């Protein structure tokens, strides 16, 4: 971001930021934190720009109404309808409203970008789950000794847990 309240084209590399390389999920996971921070900051800037644009519209409107009321035509004070018509049709007000509409659009787009970056995180998590499931069930992956020990230990632990539950169950039946 060039300035504190400006979003530049360099800040928005949206399409490439959303890409996920399924072969480098660990790098994508690390990149995710950076992207969440980046787009979170851009959302704050967009919100600030929207607030500034809305305030600019109010200030412009107030100034034009004051200008209208001070410019009495034929010594006659303009009515509220005259003042409203004057400021709504004035080029300064029209320009301020266009800027506000653009800021609203940019804020909405940035909200969508933040939401999409968050769903990217879920996508990485799901890809990781799929990768792990495929890794452990694949014929291609050769089991490691560590994996065999881990599986054997899990089986022993499950068997011990079954015995303990069965023992507790028979013990509770005896006491009844």
C-alpha atoms as a PDB file:
ATOM      1  CA  UNK A   1       0.000   0.000   0.000  1.00  0.00           C
ATOM      2  CA  UNK A   2       1.482   3.283  -1.123  1.00  0.00           C
ATOM      3  CA  UNK A   3      -0.288   5.529   1.306  1.00  0.00           C
ATOM      4  CA  UNK A   4      -2.280   4.696   4.383  1.00  0.00           C
ATOM      5  CA  UNK A   5      -5.628   5.222   2.609  1.00  0.00           C
ATOM      6  CA  UNK A   6      -4.885   4.134  -0.954  1.00  0.00           C
ATOM      7  CA  UNK A   7      -5.363   0.722  -2.529  1.00  0.00           C
ATOM      8  CA  UNK A   8      -3.180   0.271  -5.598  1.00  0.00           C
ATOM      9  CA  UNK A   9      -3.206  -2.289  -8.384  1.00  0.00           C
ATOM     10  CA  UNK A  10       0.004  -3.774  -6.942  1.00  0.00           C
ATOM     11  CA  UNK A  11      -1.880  -4.532  -3.716  1.00  0.00           C
ATOM     12  CA  UNK A  12      -4.492  -6.541  -5.577  1.00  0.00           C
ATOM     13  CA  UNK A  13      -3.083  -9.648  -7.163  1.00  0.00           C
ATOM     14  CA  UNK A  14      -6.330 -11.371  -6.306  1.00  0.00           C
ATOM     15  CA  UNK A  15      -6.323 -14.218  -8.819  1.00  0.00           C
ATOM     16  CA  UNK A  16      -2.800 -15.386  -8.062  1.00  0.00           C
ATOM     17  CA  UNK A  17      -3.361 -14.917  -4.310  1.00  0.00           C
ATOM     18  CA  UNK A  18      -6.278 -17.351  -4.470  1.00  0.00           C
ATOM     19  CA  UNK A  19      -4.379 -20.078  -6.310  1.00  0.00           C
ATOM     20  CA  UNK A  20      -3.463 -23.105  -4.217  1.00  0.00           C
ATOM     21  CA  UNK A  21      -0.604 -25.371  -5.205  1.00  0.00           C
ATOM     22  CA  UNK A  22      -1.707 -28.825  -4.000  1.00  0.00           C
ATOM     23  CA  UNK A  23       1.885 -30.066  -4.159  1.00  0.00           C
ATOM     24  CA  UNK A  24       3.141 -27.462  -1.681  1.00  0.00           C
ATOM     25  CA  UNK A  25       0.425 -27.319   0.941  1.00  0.00           C
ATOM     26  CA  UNK A  26       2.899 -26.481   3.695  1.00  0.00           C
ATOM     27  CA  UNK A  27       3.992 -23.362   1.795  1.00  0.00           C
ATOM     28  CA  UNK A  28       0.382 -22.465   1.024  1.00  0.00           C
ATOM     29  CA  UNK A  29      -0.460 -22.726   4.732  1.00  0.00           C
ATOM     30  CA  UNK A  30       2.359 -20.316   5.596  1.00  0.00           C
ATOM     31  CA  UNK A  31       1.290 -17.964   2.791  1.00  0.00           C
ATOM     32  CA  UNK A  32      -2.268 -17.980   4.169  1.00  0.00           C
ATOM     33  CA  UNK A  33      -1.357 -15.943   7.259  1.00  0.00           C
ATOM     34  CA  UNK A  34       0.273 -13.294   5.071  1.00  0.00           C
ATOM     35  CA  UNK A  35      -2.779 -13.127   2.797  1.00  0.00           C
ATOM     36  CA  UNK A  36      -5.204 -12.813   5.714  1.00  0.00           C
ATOM     37  CA  UNK A  37      -3.168  -9.915   7.096  1.00  0.00           C
ATOM     38  CA  UNK A  38      -2.809  -8.258   3.696  1.00  0.00           C
ATOM     39  CA  UNK A  39      -6.494  -8.416   2.789  1.00  0.00           C
ATOM     40  CA  UNK A  40      -7.553  -7.553   6.337  1.00  0.00           C
ATOM     41  CA  UNK A  41      -5.522  -4.334   6.115  1.00  0.00           C
ATOM     42  CA  UNK A  42      -6.923  -3.601   2.659  1.00  0.00           C
ATOM     43  CA  UNK A  43     -10.448  -4.053   4.034  1.00  0.00           C
ATOM     44  CA  UNK A  44      -9.710  -1.522   6.782  1.00  0.00           C
ATOM     45  CA  UNK A  45      -8.410   0.934   4.165  1.00  0.00           C
ATOM     46  CA  UNK A  46     -11.522   0.400   2.022  1.00  0.00           C
ATOM     47  CA  UNK A  47     -13.740   0.986   5.068  1.00  0.00           C
ATOM     48  CA  UNK A  48     -11.845   4.187   5.872  1.00  0.00           C
ATOM     49  CA  UNK A  49     -12.193   5.366   2.268  1.00  0.00           C
ATOM     50  CA  UNK A  50     -15.924   4.658   2.400  1.00  0.00           C
ATOM     51  CA  UNK A  51     -16.316   6.640   5.632  1.00  0.00           C
ATOM     52  CA  UNK A  52     -14.321   9.528   4.181  1.00  0.00           C
ATOM     53  CA  UNK A  53     -16.399   9.526   0.990  1.00  0.00           C
ATOM     54  CA  UNK A  54     -19.673   9.510   2.953  1.00  0.00           C
ATOM     55  CA  UNK A  55     -18.427  12.385   5.100  1.00  0.00           C
ATOM     56  CA  UNK A  56     -17.324  14.284   1.982  1.00  0.00           C
ATOM     57  CA  UNK A  57     -20.845  13.969   0.566  1.00  0.00           C
ATOM     58  CA  UNK A  58     -22.313  15.423   3.782  1.00  0.00           C
ATOM     59  CA  UNK A  59     -19.833  18.307   3.852  1.00  0.00           C
ATOM     60  CA  UNK A  60     -20.410  19.065   0.174  1.00  0.00           C
ATOM     61  CA  UNK A  61     -24.169  18.973   0.653  1.00  0.00           C
ATOM     62  CA  UNK A  62     -24.000  21.284   3.682  1.00  0.00           C
ATOM     63  CA  UNK A  63     -21.740  23.737   1.871  1.00  0.00           C
ATOM     64  CA  UNK A  64     -23.992  23.830  -1.176  1.00  0.00           C
ATOM     65  CA  UNK A  65     -27.118  24.318   0.942  1.00  0.00           C
ATOM     66  CA  UNK A  66     -25.407  27.200   2.754  1.00  0.00           C
ATOM     67  CA  UNK A  67     -24.318  28.659  -0.593  1.00  0.00           C
ATOM     68  CA  UNK A  68     -27.873  28.380  -1.895  1.00  0.00           C
ATOM     69  CA  UNK A  69     -29.392  30.038   1.176  1.00  0.00           C
ATOM     70  CA  UNK A  70     -26.880  32.915   1.018  1.00  0.00           C
ATOM     71  CA  UNK A  71     -27.553  33.561  -2.681  1.00  0.00           C
ATOM     72  CA  UNK A  72     -30.987  35.098  -2.452  1.00  0.00           C
ATOM     73  CA  UNK A  73     -32.585  35.464  -5.862  1.00  0.00           C
ATOM     74  CA  UNK A  74     -34.570  38.674  -6.113  1.00  0.00           C
ATOM     75  CA  UNK A  75     -34.208  39.221  -2.344  1.00  0.00           C
ATOM     76  CA  UNK A  76     -36.215  36.058  -1.696  1.00  0.00           C
ATOM     77  CA  UNK A  77     -34.852  33.325   0.632  1.00  0.00           C
ATOM     78  CA  UNK A  78     -34.832  29.910  -1.119  1.00  0.00           C
ATOM     79  CA  UNK A  79     -37.063  27.207   0.353  1.00  0.00           C
ATOM     80  CA  UNK A  80     -35.755  23.864   1.573  1.00  0.00           C
ATOM     81  CA  UNK A  81     -36.918  22.270  -1.685  1.00  0.00           C
ATOM     82  CA  UNK A  82     -34.985  24.875  -3.663  1.00  0.00           C
ATOM     83  CA  UNK A  83     -31.868  24.187  -1.584  1.00  0.00           C
ATOM     84  CA  UNK A  84     -32.241  20.430  -2.030  1.00  0.00           C
ATOM     85  CA  UNK A  85     -32.684  20.807  -5.758  1.00  0.00           C
ATOM     86  CA  UNK A  86     -29.665  23.111  -5.902  1.00  0.00           C
ATOM     87  CA  UNK A  87     -27.261  20.774  -4.113  1.00  0.00           C
ATOM     88  CA  UNK A  88     -28.503  17.543  -5.767  1.00  0.00           C
ATOM     89  CA  UNK A  89     -27.994  18.988  -9.249  1.00  0.00           C
ATOM     90  CA  UNK A  90     -24.667  20.662  -8.489  1.00  0.00           C
ATOM     91  CA  UNK A  91     -21.581  19.052 -10.134  1.00  0.00           C
ATOM     92  CA  UNK A  92     -19.652  19.019  -6.828  1.00  0.00           C
ATOM     93  CA  UNK A  93     -22.378  16.940  -5.155  1.00  0.00           C
ATOM     94  CA  UNK A  94     -22.693  14.606  -8.136  1.00  0.00           C
ATOM     95  CA  UNK A  95     -18.925  14.027  -8.122  1.00  0.00           C
ATOM     96  CA  UNK A  96     -18.929  13.396  -4.349  1.00  0.00           C
ATOM     97  CA  UNK A  97     -21.786  10.874  -4.729  1.00  0.00           C
ATOM     98  CA  UNK A  98     -19.947   9.060  -7.543  1.00  0.00           C
ATOM     99  CA  UNK A  99     -16.884   8.827  -5.305  1.00  0.00           C
ATOM    100  CA  UNK A 100     -19.057   7.468  -2.473  1.00  0.00           C
ATOM    101  CA  UNK A 101     -20.621   4.863  -4.759  1.00  0.00           C
ATOM    102  CA  UNK A 102     -17.147   3.819  -5.962  1.00  0.00           C
ATOM    103  CA  UNK A 103     -15.944   3.546  -2.339  1.00  0.00           C
ATOM    104  CA  UNK A 104     -18.998   1.405  -1.477  1.00  0.00           C
ATOM    105  CA  UNK A 105     -18.200  -0.850  -4.427  1.00  0.00           C
ATOM    106  CA  UNK A 106     -14.534  -1.188  -3.432  1.00  0.00           C
ATOM    107  CA  UNK A 107     -15.496  -1.926   0.167  1.00  0.00           C
ATOM    108  CA  UNK A 108     -17.935  -4.627  -0.947  1.00  0.00           C
ATOM    109  CA  UNK A 109     -15.332  -6.156  -3.253  1.00  0.00           C
ATOM    110  CA  UNK A 110     -12.766  -6.137  -0.442  1.00  0.00           C
ATOM    111  CA  UNK A 111     -15.248  -7.826   1.916  1.00  0.00           C
ATOM    112  CA  UNK A 112     -15.695 -10.509  -0.728  1.00  0.00           C
ATOM    113  CA  UNK A 113     -11.911 -10.851  -1.100  1.00  0.00           C
ATOM    114  CA  UNK A 114     -11.464 -11.315   2.668  1.00  0.00           C
ATOM    115  CA  UNK A 115     -14.240 -13.932   2.698  1.00  0.00           C
ATOM    116  CA  UNK A 116     -12.626 -15.729  -0.248  1.00  0.00           C
ATOM    117  CA  UNK A 117      -9.194 -15.704   1.437  1.00  0.00           C
ATOM    118  CA  UNK A 118     -10.825 -17.278   4.496  1.00  0.00           C
ATOM    119  CA  UNK A 119     -12.440 -19.981   2.372  1.00  0.00           C
ATOM    120  CA  UNK A 120      -9.017 -20.545   0.781  1.00  0.00           C
ATOM    121  CA  UNK A 121      -7.838 -21.576   4.239  1.00  0.00           C
ATOM    122  CA  UNK A 122     -10.620 -24.168   4.423  1.00  0.00           C
ATOM    123  CA  UNK A 123      -9.682 -25.353   0.955  1.00  0.00           C
ATOM    124  CA  UNK A 124      -6.077 -25.907   2.073  1.00  0.00           C
ATOM    125  CA  UNK A 125      -7.284 -27.804   5.149  1.00  0.00           C
ATOM    126  CA  UNK A 126      -9.493 -30.067   3.046  1.00  0.00           C
ATOM    127  CA  UNK A 127      -6.705 -30.673   0.543  1.00  0.00           C
ATOM    128  CA  UNK A 128      -4.425 -31.597   3.436  1.00  0.00           C
ATOM    129  CA  UNK A 129      -6.986 -34.095   4.745  1.00  0.00           C
ATOM    130  CA  UNK A 130      -7.331 -35.613   1.291  1.00  0.00           C
ATOM    131  CA  UNK A 131      -3.579 -35.771   0.893  1.00  0.00           C
ATOM    132  CA  UNK A 132      -3.158 -37.520   4.226  1.00  0.00           C
ATOM    133  CA  UNK A 133      -5.925 -40.018   3.492  1.00  0.00           C
ATOM    134  CA  UNK A 134      -4.479 -40.810   0.094  1.00  0.00           C
ATOM    135  CA  UNK A 135      -0.957 -41.071   1.476  1.00  0.00           C
ATOM    136  CA  UNK A 136      -1.840 -43.681   4.067  1.00  0.00           C
ATOM    137  CA  UNK A 137      -4.124 -45.743   1.803  1.00  0.00           C
ATOM    138  CA  UNK A 138      -2.165 -45.506  -1.423  1.00  0.00           C
ATOM    139  CA  UNK A 139      -0.472 -48.557  -2.946  1.00  0.00           C
ATOM    140  CA  UNK A 140       2.300 -46.270  -4.157  1.00  0.00           C
ATOM    141  CA  UNK A 141       3.369 -45.132  -0.697  1.00  0.00           C
ATOM    142  CA  UNK A 142       5.649 -47.643   0.923  1.00  0.00           C
ATOM    143  CA  UNK A 143       5.045 -47.996   4.640  1.00  0.00           C
ATOM    144  CA  UNK A 144       7.853 -46.851   6.879  1.00  0.00           C
ATOM    145  CA  UNK A 145       8.992 -48.680   9.983  1.00  0.00           C
ATOM    146  CA  UNK A 146       7.810 -45.747  12.031  1.00  0.00           C
ATOM    147  CA  UNK A 147       4.339 -46.082  10.546  1.00  0.00           C
ATOM    148  CA  UNK A 148       4.286 -49.818  11.324  1.00  0.00           C
ATOM    149  CA  UNK A 149       5.276 -49.164  14.928  1.00  0.00           C
ATOM    150  CA  UNK A 150       2.671 -46.432  15.216  1.00  0.00           C
ATOM    151  CA  UNK A 151      -0.073 -48.670  13.832  1.00  0.00           C
ATOM    152  CA  UNK A 152       0.980 -51.563  16.061  1.00  0.00           C
ATOM    153  CA  UNK A 153       0.961 -49.317  19.140  1.00  0.00           C
ATOM    154  CA  UNK A 154      -2.486 -47.999  18.209  1.00  0.00           C
ATOM    155  CA  UNK A 155      -3.806 -51.569  17.861  1.00  0.00           C
ATOM    156  CA  UNK A 156      -2.353 -52.552  21.246  1.00  0.00           C
ATOM    157  CA  UNK A 157      -3.846 -49.448  22.865  1.00  0.00           C
ATOM    158  CA  UNK A 158      -7.249 -50.188  21.321  1.00  0.00           C
ATOM    159  CA  UNK A 159      -7.076 -53.792  22.546  1.00  0.00           C
ATOM    160  CA  UNK A 160      -6.185 -52.629  26.083  1.00  0.00           C
ATOM    161  CA  UNK A 161      -9.057 -50.131  26.006  1.00  0.00           C
ATOM    162  CA  UNK A 162     -11.488 -52.872  24.936  1.00  0.00           C
ATOM    163  CA  UNK A 163     -10.325 -55.118  27.768  1.00  0.00           C
ATOM    164  CA  UNK A 164     -10.678 -52.287  30.298  1.00  0.00           C
ATOM    165  CA  UNK A 165     -14.196 -51.452  29.079  1.00  0.00           C
ATOM    166  CA  UNK A 166     -15.225 -55.111  29.171  1.00  0.00           C
ATOM    167  CA  UNK A 167     -13.775 -55.442  32.678  1.00  0.00           C
ATOM    168  CA  UNK A 168     -15.648 -52.306  33.856  1.00  0.00           C
ATOM    169  CA  UNK A 169     -18.853 -53.570  32.261  1.00  0.00           C
ATOM    170  CA  UNK A 170     -18.679 -56.980  33.949  1.00  0.00           C
ATOM    171  CA  UNK A 171     -17.732 -55.353  37.239  1.00  0.00           C
ATOM    172  CA  UNK A 172     -20.721 -52.998  37.076  1.00  0.00           C
ATOM    173  CA  UNK A 173     -23.064 -55.889  36.277  1.00  0.00           C
ATOM    174  CA  UNK A 174     -21.828 -57.823  39.312  1.00  0.00           C
ATOM    175  CA  UNK A 175     -22.532 -54.920  41.649  1.00  0.00           C
ATOM    176  CA  UNK A 176     -26.151 -54.600  40.486  1.00  0.00           C
END
